[in-house]
Amino acid sequence: MLKYVLTFFLVFPTAAFADAIDGSWCSTAGHVDIDGPKITLSSKSATAGQYSRHQFLYTVPEGEEHAGDKVYMQLMGEEDMTSYTVKDSKAVDPVDWKRCAATS
């Protein structure tokens, strides 16, 4: 399944790739922290996923809304990321994310 999602983005490149997808991300959907193959969700639950410098794929853990769904994240630029739910090998329901502002 990941192969089909990744093929879509390789065939239809839209991203201006930044350094790495790692870091803190904010959206109307919540907040996530990506650190290599580990992602921590707004609820503070953490899970492992398939990581590359510009992409991340994980399965929503049990106890979370939409548990079992696969979520694909694509870095779109230094400050921008888009996530998609993967359904029937297709990326649907895009959510735009911004790097969270640093707090002191």
PDB file of N, CA and C in Angstrom:
ATOM      1  N   MET A   1       0.821  -1.184   0.000  1.00  0.00           N
ATOM      2  CA  MET A   1       0.000   0.000   0.000  1.00  0.00           C
ATOM      3  C   MET A   1       0.867   1.250   0.000  1.00  0.00           C
ATOM      4  N   LEU A   2       1.895   1.265   0.846  1.00  0.00           N
ATOM      5  CA  LEU A   2       2.792   2.420   0.889  1.00  0.00           C
ATOM      6  C   LEU A   2       3.393   2.670  -0.484  1.00  0.00           C
ATOM      7  N   LYS A   3       3.690   1.585  -1.215  1.00  0.00           N
ATOM      8  CA  LYS A   3       4.279   1.712  -2.544  1.00  0.00           C
ATOM      9  C   LYS A   3       3.387   2.548  -3.453  1.00  0.00           C
ATOM     10  N   TYR A   4       2.063   2.339  -3.391  1.00  0.00           N
ATOM     11  CA  TYR A   4       1.143   3.077  -4.250  1.00  0.00           C
ATOM     12  C   TYR A   4       1.061   4.546  -3.862  1.00  0.00           C
ATOM     13  N   VAL A   5       1.029   4.811  -2.578  1.00  0.00           N
ATOM     14  CA  VAL A   5       0.976   6.195  -2.113  1.00  0.00           C
ATOM     15  C   VAL A   5       2.250   6.922  -2.507  1.00  0.00           C
ATOM     16  N   LEU A   6       3.396   6.290  -2.273  1.00  0.00           N
ATOM     17  CA  LEU A   6       4.669   6.917  -2.619  1.00  0.00           C
ATOM     18  C   LEU A   6       4.804   7.101  -4.121  1.00  0.00           C
ATOM     19  N   THR A   7       4.323   6.133  -4.901  1.00  0.00           N
ATOM     20  CA  THR A   7       4.370   6.267  -6.357  1.00  0.00           C
ATOM     21  C   THR A   7       3.577   7.475  -6.803  1.00  0.00           C
ATOM     22  N   PHE A   8       2.424   7.707  -6.199  1.00  0.00           N
ATOM     23  CA  PHE A   8       1.607   8.868  -6.537  1.00  0.00           C
ATOM     24  C   PHE A   8       2.414  10.154  -6.383  1.00  0.00           C
ATOM     25  N   PHE A   9       3.104  10.281  -5.266  1.00  0.00           N
ATOM     26  CA  PHE A   9       3.844  11.514  -5.009  1.00  0.00           C
ATOM     27  C   PHE A   9       5.127  11.616  -5.826  1.00  0.00           C
ATOM     28  N   LEU A  10       5.684  10.495  -6.222  1.00  0.00           N
ATOM     29  CA  LEU A  10       6.861  10.546  -7.082  1.00  0.00           C
ATOM     30  C   LEU A  10       6.487  10.882  -8.522  1.00  0.00           C
ATOM     31  N   VAL A  11       5.322  10.405  -8.965  1.00  0.00           N
ATOM     32  CA  VAL A  11       4.876  10.679 -10.325  1.00  0.00           C
ATOM     33  C   VAL A  11       4.334  12.098 -10.439  1.00  0.00           C
ATOM     34  N   PHE A  12       3.705  12.587  -9.387  1.00  0.00           N
ATOM     35  CA  PHE A  12       3.133  13.923  -9.379  1.00  0.00           C
ATOM     36  C   PHE A  12       3.812  14.766  -8.306  1.00  0.00           C
ATOM     37  N   PRO A  13       5.077  15.104  -8.509  1.00  0.00           N
ATOM     38  CA  PRO A  13       5.794  15.832  -7.455  1.00  0.00           C
ATOM     39  C   PRO A  13       5.235  17.236  -7.272  1.00  0.00           C
ATOM     40  N   THR A  14       4.944  17.573  -6.033  1.00  0.00           N
ATOM     41  CA  THR A  14       4.439  18.906  -5.718  1.00  0.00           C
ATOM     42  C   THR A  14       5.235  19.544  -4.597  1.00  0.00           C
ATOM     43  N   ALA A  15       6.105  18.784  -4.011  1.00  0.00           N
ATOM     44  CA  ALA A  15       6.791  19.268  -2.816  1.00  0.00           C
ATOM     45  C   ALA A  15       8.112  19.941  -3.144  1.00  0.00           C
ATOM     46  N   ALA A  16       8.373  21.000  -2.431  1.00  0.00           N
ATOM     47  CA  ALA A  16       9.706  21.584  -2.421  1.00  0.00           C
ATOM     48  C   ALA A  16      10.343  21.027  -1.156  1.00  0.00           C
ATOM     49  N   PHE A  17      11.136  19.987  -1.295  1.00  0.00           N
ATOM     50  CA  PHE A  17      11.605  19.255  -0.136  1.00  0.00           C
ATOM     51  C   PHE A  17      12.501  20.093   0.768  1.00  0.00           C
ATOM     52  N   ALA A  18      12.215  20.026   2.012  1.00  0.00           N
ATOM     53  CA  ALA A  18      13.024  20.688   3.036  1.00  0.00           C
ATOM     54  C   ALA A  18      13.976  19.647   3.612  1.00  0.00           C
ATOM     55  N   ASP A  19      14.635  20.017   4.673  1.00  0.00           N
ATOM     56  CA  ASP A  19      15.653  19.148   5.251  1.00  0.00           C
ATOM     57  C   ASP A  19      15.088  17.843   5.777  1.00  0.00           C
ATOM     58  N   ALA A  20      14.088  17.890   6.675  1.00  0.00           N
ATOM     59  CA  ALA A  20      13.541  16.664   7.257  1.00  0.00           C
ATOM     60  C   ALA A  20      12.167  16.922   7.858  1.00  0.00           C
ATOM     61  N   ILE A  21      11.378  15.866   7.926  1.00  0.00           N
ATOM     62  CA  ILE A  21      10.017  15.950   8.451  1.00  0.00           C
ATOM     63  C   ILE A  21      10.003  15.965   9.982  1.00  0.00           C
ATOM     64  N   ASP A  22      11.136  15.628  10.597  1.00  0.00           N
ATOM     65  CA  ASP A  22      11.210  15.607  12.063  1.00  0.00           C
ATOM     66  C   ASP A  22      10.844  16.957  12.650  1.00  0.00           C
ATOM     67  N   GLY A  23      10.194  16.938  13.809  1.00  0.00           N
ATOM     68  CA  GLY A  23       9.888  18.163  14.531  1.00  0.00           C
ATOM     69  C   GLY A  23       8.454  18.198  15.015  1.00  0.00           C
ATOM     70  N   SER A  24       8.050  19.370  15.487  1.00  0.00           N
ATOM     71  CA  SER A  24       6.700  19.592  16.013  1.00  0.00           C
ATOM     72  C   SER A  24       5.848  20.246  14.949  1.00  0.00           C
ATOM     73  N   TRP A  25       4.647  19.694  14.750  1.00  0.00           N
ATOM     74  CA  TRP A  25       3.726  20.169  13.720  1.00  0.00           C
ATOM     75  C   TRP A  25       2.362  20.485  14.322  1.00  0.00           C
ATOM     76  N   CYS A  26       1.766  21.594  13.870  1.00  0.00           N
ATOM     77  CA  CYS A  26       0.467  22.041  14.381  1.00  0.00           C
ATOM     78  C   CYS A  26      -0.517  22.215  13.228  1.00  0.00           C
ATOM     79  N   SER A  27      -1.778  21.910  13.497  1.00  0.00           N
ATOM     80  CA  SER A  27      -2.864  22.132  12.534  1.00  0.00           C
ATOM     81  C   SER A  27      -4.164  22.236  13.309  1.00  0.00           C
ATOM     82  N   THR A  28      -5.243  22.462  12.580  1.00  0.00           N
ATOM     83  CA  THR A  28      -6.559  22.468  13.222  1.00  0.00           C
ATOM     84  C   THR A  28      -6.899  21.074  13.735  1.00  0.00           C
ATOM     85  N   ALA A  29      -6.218  20.048  13.212  1.00  0.00           N
ATOM     86  CA  ALA A  29      -6.450  18.663  13.647  1.00  0.00           C
ATOM     87  C   ALA A  29      -5.707  18.333  14.932  1.00  0.00           C
ATOM     88  N   GLY A  30      -4.781  19.185  15.350  1.00  0.00           N
ATOM     89  CA  GLY A  30      -4.043  18.916  16.577  1.00  0.00           C
ATOM     90  C   GLY A  30      -2.568  19.198  16.447  1.00  0.00           C
ATOM     91  N   HIS A  31      -1.786  18.399  17.145  1.00  0.00           N
ATOM     92  CA  HIS A  31      -0.341  18.593  17.240  1.00  0.00           C
ATOM     93  C   HIS A  31       0.323  17.223  17.180  1.00  0.00           C
ATOM     94  N   VAL A  32       1.408  17.111  16.430  1.00  0.00           N
ATOM     95  CA  VAL A  32       2.196  15.883  16.415  1.00  0.00           C
ATOM     96  C   VAL A  32       3.667  16.234  16.508  1.00  0.00           C
ATOM     97  N   ASP A  33       4.430  15.317  17.083  1.00  0.00           N
ATOM     98  CA  ASP A  33       5.885  15.421  17.125  1.00  0.00           C
ATOM     99  C   ASP A  33       6.447  14.192  16.427  1.00  0.00           C
ATOM    100  N   ILE A  34       7.299  14.435  15.434  1.00  0.00           N
ATOM    101  CA  ILE A  34       7.945  13.341  14.716  1.00  0.00           C
ATOM    102  C   ILE A  34       9.420  13.359  15.064  1.00  0.00           C
ATOM    103  N   ASP A  35       9.912  12.197  15.491  1.00  0.00           N
ATOM    104  CA  ASP A  35      11.328  12.055  15.846  1.00  0.00           C
ATOM    105  C   ASP A  35      11.804  10.733  15.261  1.00  0.00           C
ATOM    106  N   GLY A  36      12.332  10.794  14.037  1.00  0.00           N
ATOM    107  CA  GLY A  36      12.705   9.566  13.351  1.00  0.00           C
ATOM    108  C   GLY A  36      11.477   8.703  13.158  1.00  0.00           C
ATOM    109  N   PRO A  37      11.537   7.422  13.502  1.00  0.00           N
ATOM    110  CA  PRO A  37      10.390   6.539  13.285  1.00  0.00           C
ATOM    111  C   PRO A  37       9.316   6.613  14.378  1.00  0.00           C
ATOM    112  N   LYS A  38       9.424   7.574  15.287  1.00  0.00           N
ATOM    113  CA  LYS A  38       8.452   7.709  16.381  1.00  0.00           C
ATOM    114  C   LYS A  38       7.610   8.958  16.165  1.00  0.00           C
ATOM    115  N   ILE A  39       6.286   8.822  16.380  1.00  0.00           N
ATOM    116  CA  ILE A  39       5.381   9.962  16.324  1.00  0.00           C
ATOM    117  C   ILE A  39       4.584  10.008  17.616  1.00  0.00           C
ATOM    118  N   THR A  40       4.463  11.206  18.183  1.00  0.00           N
ATOM    119  CA  THR A  40       3.650  11.431  19.375  1.00  0.00           C
ATOM    120  C   THR A  40       2.477  12.298  18.952  1.00  0.00           C
ATOM    121  N   LEU A  41       1.262  11.832  19.258  1.00  0.00           N
ATOM    122  CA  LEU A  41       0.041  12.516  18.844  1.00  0.00           C
ATOM    123  C   LEU A  41      -0.407  13.524  19.894  1.00  0.00           C
ATOM    124  N   SER A  42      -1.427  14.316  19.548  1.00  0.00           N
ATOM    125  CA  SER A  42      -1.965  15.327  20.467  1.00  0.00           C
ATOM    126  C   SER A  42      -2.318  14.739  21.822  1.00  0.00           C
ATOM    127  N   SER A  43      -2.819  13.511  21.826  1.00  0.00           N
ATOM    128  CA  SER A  43      -3.244  12.858  23.066  1.00  0.00           C
ATOM    129  C   SER A  43      -2.071  12.369  23.902  1.00  0.00           C
ATOM    130  N   LYS A  44      -0.861  12.566  23.394  1.00  0.00           N
ATOM    131  CA  LYS A  44       0.387  12.120  24.026  1.00  0.00           C
ATOM    132  C   LYS A  44       0.658  10.639  23.815  1.00  0.00           C
ATOM    133  N   SER A  45      -0.219   9.930  23.074  1.00  0.00           N
ATOM    134  CA  SER A  45       0.118   8.547  22.763  1.00  0.00           C
ATOM    135  C   SER A  45       1.181   8.550  21.667  1.00  0.00           C
ATOM    136  N   ALA A  46       2.061   7.583  21.730  1.00  0.00           N
ATOM    137  CA  ALA A  46       3.160   7.495  20.773  1.00  0.00           C
ATOM    138  C   ALA A  46       3.094   6.158  20.066  1.00  0.00           C
ATOM    139  N   THR A  47       3.575   6.150  18.838  1.00  0.00           N
ATOM    140  CA  THR A  47       3.631   4.926  18.058  1.00  0.00           C
ATOM    141  C   THR A  47       4.785   5.030  17.075  1.00  0.00           C
ATOM    142  N   ALA A  48       5.154   3.913  16.524  1.00  0.00           N
ATOM    143  CA  ALA A  48       6.212   3.894  15.514  1.00  0.00           C
ATOM    144  C   ALA A  48       5.583   3.888  14.131  1.00  0.00           C
ATOM    145  N   GLY A  49       6.324   4.394  13.176  1.00  0.00           N
ATOM    146  CA  GLY A  49       5.851   4.422  11.800  1.00  0.00           C
ATOM    147  C   GLY A  49       6.993   4.182  10.836  1.00  0.00           C
ATOM    148  N   GLN A  50       6.678   4.280   9.564  1.00  0.00           N
ATOM    149  CA  GLN A  50       7.681   4.144   8.510  1.00  0.00           C
ATOM    150  C   GLN A  50       8.175   5.543   8.172  1.00  0.00           C
ATOM    151  N   TYR A  51       9.437   5.786   8.429  1.00  0.00           N
ATOM    152  CA  TYR A  51      10.029   7.113   8.341  1.00  0.00           C
ATOM    153  C   TYR A  51      11.001   7.218   7.181  1.00  0.00           C
ATOM    154  N   SER A  52      10.927   8.318   6.473  1.00  0.00           N
ATOM    155  CA  SER A  52      12.007   8.749   5.599  1.00  0.00           C
ATOM    156  C   SER A  52      12.141  10.250   5.836  1.00  0.00           C
ATOM    157  N   ARG A  53      13.177  10.862   5.355  1.00  0.00           N
ATOM    158  CA  ARG A  53      13.421  12.275   5.666  1.00  0.00           C
ATOM    159  C   ARG A  53      12.264  13.191   5.303  1.00  0.00           C
ATOM    160  N   HIS A  54      11.492  12.855   4.270  1.00  0.00           N
ATOM    161  CA  HIS A  54      10.443  13.754   3.787  1.00  0.00           C
ATOM    162  C   HIS A  54       9.045  13.157   3.872  1.00  0.00           C
ATOM    163  N   GLN A  55       8.931  11.931   4.390  1.00  0.00           N
ATOM    164  CA  GLN A  55       7.639  11.249   4.452  1.00  0.00           C
ATOM    165  C   GLN A  55       7.541  10.424   5.730  1.00  0.00           C
ATOM    166  N   PHE A  56       6.303  10.215   6.155  1.00  0.00           N
ATOM    167  CA  PHE A  56       6.061   9.403   7.345  1.00  0.00           C
ATOM    168  C   PHE A  56       4.726   8.696   7.157  1.00  0.00           C
ATOM    169  N   LEU A  57       4.646   7.426   7.504  1.00  0.00           N
ATOM    170  CA  LEU A  57       3.416   6.653   7.425  1.00  0.00           C
ATOM    171  C   LEU A  57       3.247   5.913   8.741  1.00  0.00           C
ATOM    172  N   TYR A  58       2.059   6.029   9.336  1.00  0.00           N
ATOM    173  CA  TYR A  58       1.805   5.310  10.581  1.00  0.00           C
ATOM    174  C   TYR A  58       0.365   4.840  10.632  1.00  0.00           C
ATOM    175  N   THR A  59       0.105   3.888  11.506  1.00  0.00           N
ATOM    176  CA  THR A  59      -1.245   3.395  11.764  1.00  0.00           C
ATOM    177  C   THR A  59      -1.722   4.029  13.058  1.00  0.00           C
ATOM    178  N   VAL A  60      -2.908   4.626  13.029  1.00  0.00           N
ATOM    179  CA  VAL A  60      -3.463   5.270  14.218  1.00  0.00           C
ATOM    180  C   VAL A  60      -3.637   4.201  15.303  1.00  0.00           C
ATOM    181  N   PRO A  61      -3.042   4.434  16.486  1.00  0.00           N
ATOM    182  CA  PRO A  61      -3.076   3.402  17.533  1.00  0.00           C
ATOM    183  C   PRO A  61      -4.461   3.229  18.162  1.00  0.00           C
ATOM    184  N   GLU A  62      -4.649   2.056  18.760  1.00  0.00           N
ATOM    185  CA  GLU A  62      -5.901   1.772  19.471  1.00  0.00           C
ATOM    186  C   GLU A  62      -6.114   2.809  20.554  1.00  0.00           C
ATOM    187  N   GLY A  63      -7.374   3.132  20.789  1.00  0.00           N
ATOM    188  CA  GLY A  63      -7.724   4.120  21.796  1.00  0.00           C
ATOM    189  C   GLY A  63      -7.820   5.525  21.229  1.00  0.00           C
ATOM    190  N   GLU A  64      -7.357   5.717  19.991  1.00  0.00           N
ATOM    191  CA  GLU A  64      -7.429   7.012  19.320  1.00  0.00           C
ATOM    192  C   GLU A  64      -8.622   7.020  18.363  1.00  0.00           C
ATOM    193  N   GLU A  65      -9.136   8.194  18.089  1.00  0.00           N
ATOM    194  CA  GLU A  65     -10.169   8.329  17.069  1.00  0.00           C
ATOM    195  C   GLU A  65      -9.580   7.849  15.745  1.00  0.00           C
ATOM    196  N   HIS A  66     -10.338   7.091  14.993  1.00  0.00           N
ATOM    197  CA  HIS A  66      -9.918   6.517  13.710  1.00  0.00           C
ATOM    198  C   HIS A  66      -8.823   5.462  13.870  1.00  0.00           C
ATOM    199  N   ALA A  67      -8.816   4.773  15.015  1.00  0.00           N
ATOM    200  CA  ALA A  67      -7.823   3.715  15.261  1.00  0.00           C
ATOM    201  C   ALA A  67      -7.825   2.732  14.095  1.00  0.00           C
ATOM    202  N   GLY A  68      -6.626   2.342  13.689  1.00  0.00           N
ATOM    203  CA  GLY A  68      -6.465   1.392  12.598  1.00  0.00           C
ATOM    204  C   GLY A  68      -6.275   2.040  11.237  1.00  0.00           C
ATOM    205  N   ASP A  69      -6.662   3.314  11.096  1.00  0.00           N
ATOM    206  CA  ASP A  69      -6.445   4.016   9.827  1.00  0.00           C
ATOM    207  C   ASP A  69      -4.961   4.245   9.613  1.00  0.00           C
ATOM    208  N   LYS A  70      -4.546   4.252   8.376  1.00  0.00           N
ATOM    209  CA  LYS A  70      -3.167   4.599   8.036  1.00  0.00           C
ATOM    210  C   LYS A  70      -3.140   6.075   7.648  1.00  0.00           C
ATOM    211  N   VAL A  71      -2.128   6.780   8.140  1.00  0.00           N
ATOM    212  CA  VAL A  71      -1.962   8.200   7.849  1.00  0.00           C
ATOM    213  C   VAL A  71      -0.592   8.392   7.210  1.00  0.00           C
ATOM    214  N   TYR A  72      -0.590   9.061   6.059  1.00  0.00           N
ATOM    215  CA  TYR A  72       0.625   9.352   5.315  1.00  0.00           C
ATOM    216  C   TYR A  72       0.903  10.843   5.422  1.00  0.00           C
ATOM    217  N   MET A  73       2.125  11.206   5.736  1.00  0.00           N
ATOM    218  CA  MET A  73       2.516  12.611   5.872  1.00  0.00           C
ATOM    219  C   MET A  73       3.636  12.911   4.887  1.00  0.00           C
ATOM    220  N   GLN A  74       3.508  14.043   4.197  1.00  0.00           N
ATOM    221  CA  GLN A  74       4.471  14.445   3.170  1.00  0.00           C
ATOM    222  C   GLN A  74       4.967  15.851   3.464  1.00  0.00           C
ATOM    223  N   LEU A  75       6.266  16.015   3.590  1.00  0.00           N
ATOM    224  CA  LEU A  75       6.861  17.330   3.779  1.00  0.00           C
ATOM    225  C   LEU A  75       6.712  18.115   2.485  1.00  0.00           C
ATOM    226  N   MET A  76       6.168  19.321   2.564  1.00  0.00           N
ATOM    227  CA  MET A  76       5.922  20.134   1.383  1.00  0.00           C
ATOM    228  C   MET A  76       6.878  21.321   1.276  1.00  0.00           C
ATOM    229  N   GLY A  77       7.591  21.599   2.313  1.00  0.00           N
ATOM    230  CA  GLY A  77       8.545  22.700   2.374  1.00  0.00           C
ATOM    231  C   GLY A  77       9.094  22.762   3.785  1.00  0.00           C
ATOM    232  N   GLU A  78       9.976  23.680   4.038  1.00  0.00           N
ATOM    233  CA  GLU A  78      10.603  23.782   5.356  1.00  0.00           C
ATOM    234  C   GLU A  78       9.572  23.926   6.481  1.00  0.00           C
ATOM    235  N   GLU A  79       8.486  24.648   6.229  1.00  0.00           N
ATOM    236  CA  GLU A  79       7.497  24.944   7.272  1.00  0.00           C
ATOM    237  C   GLU A  79       6.140  24.296   7.031  1.00  0.00           C
ATOM    238  N   ASP A  80       5.993  23.503   5.966  1.00  0.00           N
ATOM    239  CA  ASP A  80       4.684  22.969   5.584  1.00  0.00           C
ATOM    240  C   ASP A  80       4.720  21.457   5.379  1.00  0.00           C
ATOM    241  N   MET A  81       3.640  20.814   5.825  1.00  0.00           N
ATOM    242  CA  MET A  81       3.468  19.377   5.664  1.00  0.00           C
ATOM    243  C   MET A  81       1.989  19.135   5.382  1.00  0.00           C
ATOM    244  N   THR A  82       1.685  18.100   4.625  1.00  0.00           N
ATOM    245  CA  THR A  82       0.301  17.695   4.396  1.00  0.00           C
ATOM    246  C   THR A  82       0.179  16.233   4.793  1.00  0.00           C
ATOM    247  N   SER A  83      -0.907  15.911   5.503  1.00  0.00           N
ATOM    248  CA  SER A  83      -1.170  14.512   5.847  1.00  0.00           C
ATOM    249  C   SER A  83      -2.419  14.056   5.104  1.00  0.00           C
ATOM    250  N   TYR A  84      -2.488  12.761   4.865  1.00  0.00           N
ATOM    251  CA  TYR A  84      -3.612  12.145   4.169  1.00  0.00           C
ATOM    252  C   TYR A  84      -3.960  10.852   4.883  1.00  0.00           C
ATOM    253  N   THR A  85      -5.243  10.506   4.888  1.00  0.00           N
ATOM    254  CA  THR A  85      -5.657   9.185   5.317  1.00  0.00           C
ATOM    255  C   THR A  85      -5.558   8.291   4.088  1.00  0.00           C
ATOM    256  N   VAL A  86      -5.045   7.077   4.256  1.00  0.00           N
ATOM    257  CA  VAL A  86      -4.910   6.148   3.140  1.00  0.00           C
ATOM    258  C   VAL A  86      -6.102   5.200   3.165  1.00  0.00           C
ATOM    259  N   LYS A  87      -6.916   5.273   2.110  1.00  0.00           N
ATOM    260  CA  LYS A  87      -8.091   4.397   1.982  1.00  0.00           C
ATOM    261  C   LYS A  87      -8.073   3.791   0.589  1.00  0.00           C
ATOM    262  N   ASP A  88      -8.159   2.477   0.516  1.00  0.00           N
ATOM    263  CA  ASP A  88      -8.122   1.773  -0.769  1.00  0.00           C
ATOM    264  C   ASP A  88      -6.914   2.193  -1.599  1.00  0.00           C
ATOM    265  N   SER A  89      -5.767   2.294  -0.949  1.00  0.00           N
ATOM    266  CA  SER A  89      -4.489   2.671  -1.579  1.00  0.00           C
ATOM    267  C   SER A  89      -4.498   4.065  -2.176  1.00  0.00           C
ATOM    268  N   LYS A  90      -5.430   4.909  -1.721  1.00  0.00           N
ATOM    269  CA  LYS A  90      -5.497   6.289  -2.199  1.00  0.00           C
ATOM    270  C   LYS A  90      -5.359   7.243  -1.029  1.00  0.00           C
ATOM    271  N   ALA A  91      -4.684   8.360  -1.272  1.00  0.00           N
ATOM    272  CA  ALA A  91      -4.529   9.398  -0.247  1.00  0.00           C
ATOM    273  C   ALA A  91      -5.751  10.308  -0.301  1.00  0.00           C
ATOM    274  N   VAL A  92      -6.505  10.357   0.796  1.00  0.00           N
ATOM    275  CA  VAL A  92      -7.727  11.177   0.858  1.00  0.00           C
ATOM    276  C   VAL A  92      -7.703  12.049   2.118  1.00  0.00           C
ATOM    277  N   ASP A  93      -8.621  12.968   2.200  1.00  0.00           N
ATOM    278  CA  ASP A  93      -8.802  13.817   3.380  1.00  0.00           C
ATOM    279  C   ASP A  93      -7.523  14.552   3.778  1.00  0.00           C
ATOM    280  N   PRO A  94      -6.987  15.405   2.900  1.00  0.00           N
ATOM    281  CA  PRO A  94      -5.748  16.120   3.236  1.00  0.00           C
ATOM    282  C   PRO A  94      -5.921  17.082   4.407  1.00  0.00           C
ATOM    283  N   VAL A  95      -4.882  17.178   5.213  1.00  0.00           N
ATOM    284  CA  VAL A  95      -4.812  18.135   6.323  1.00  0.00           C
ATOM    285  C   VAL A  95      -3.494  18.876   6.195  1.00  0.00           C
ATOM    286  N   ASP A  96      -3.539  20.197   6.203  1.00  0.00           N
ATOM    287  CA  ASP A  96      -2.333  21.008   6.128  1.00  0.00           C
ATOM    288  C   ASP A  96      -1.789  21.272   7.517  1.00  0.00           C
ATOM    289  N   TRP A  97      -0.466  21.164   7.660  1.00  0.00           N
ATOM    290  CA  TRP A  97       0.232  21.349   8.917  1.00  0.00           C
ATOM    291  C   TRP A  97       1.298  22.420   8.750  1.00  0.00           C
ATOM    292  N   LYS A  98       1.610  23.128   9.819  1.00  0.00           N
ATOM    293  CA  LYS A  98       2.714  24.093   9.877  1.00  0.00           C
ATOM    294  C   LYS A  98       3.614  23.699  11.032  1.00  0.00           C
ATOM    295  N   ARG A  99       4.886  24.015  10.899  1.00  0.00           N
ATOM    296  CA  ARG A  99       5.768  23.793  12.043  1.00  0.00           C
ATOM    297  C   ARG A  99       5.254  24.648  13.197  1.00  0.00           C
ATOM    298  N   CYS A 100       5.216  24.078  14.377  1.00  0.00           N
ATOM    299  CA  CYS A 100       4.752  24.809  15.551  1.00  0.00           C
ATOM    300  C   CYS A 100       5.768  25.893  15.922  1.00  0.00           C
ATOM    301  N   ALA A 101       5.250  27.012  16.362  1.00  0.00           N
ATOM    302  CA  ALA A 101       6.120  28.103  16.803  1.00  0.00           C
ATOM    303  C   ALA A 101       6.840  27.673  18.066  1.00  0.00           C
ATOM    304  N   ALA A 102       8.106  27.995  18.144  1.00  0.00           N
ATOM    305  CA  ALA A 102       8.890  27.669  19.339  1.00  0.00           C
ATOM    306  C   ALA A 102       8.377  28.485  20.521  1.00  0.00           C
ATOM    307  N   THR A 103       8.291  27.834  21.661  1.00  0.00           N
ATOM    308  CA  THR A 103       7.873  28.534  22.871  1.00  0.00           C
ATOM    309  C   THR A 103       9.041  28.562  23.839  1.00  0.00           C
ATOM    310  N   SER A 104       9.117  29.626  24.612  1.00  0.00           N
ATOM    311  CA  SER A 104      10.224  29.713  25.566  1.00  0.00           C
ATOM    312  C   SER A 104       9.764  29.369  26.953  1.00  0.00           C
TER     313      SER A 104
END
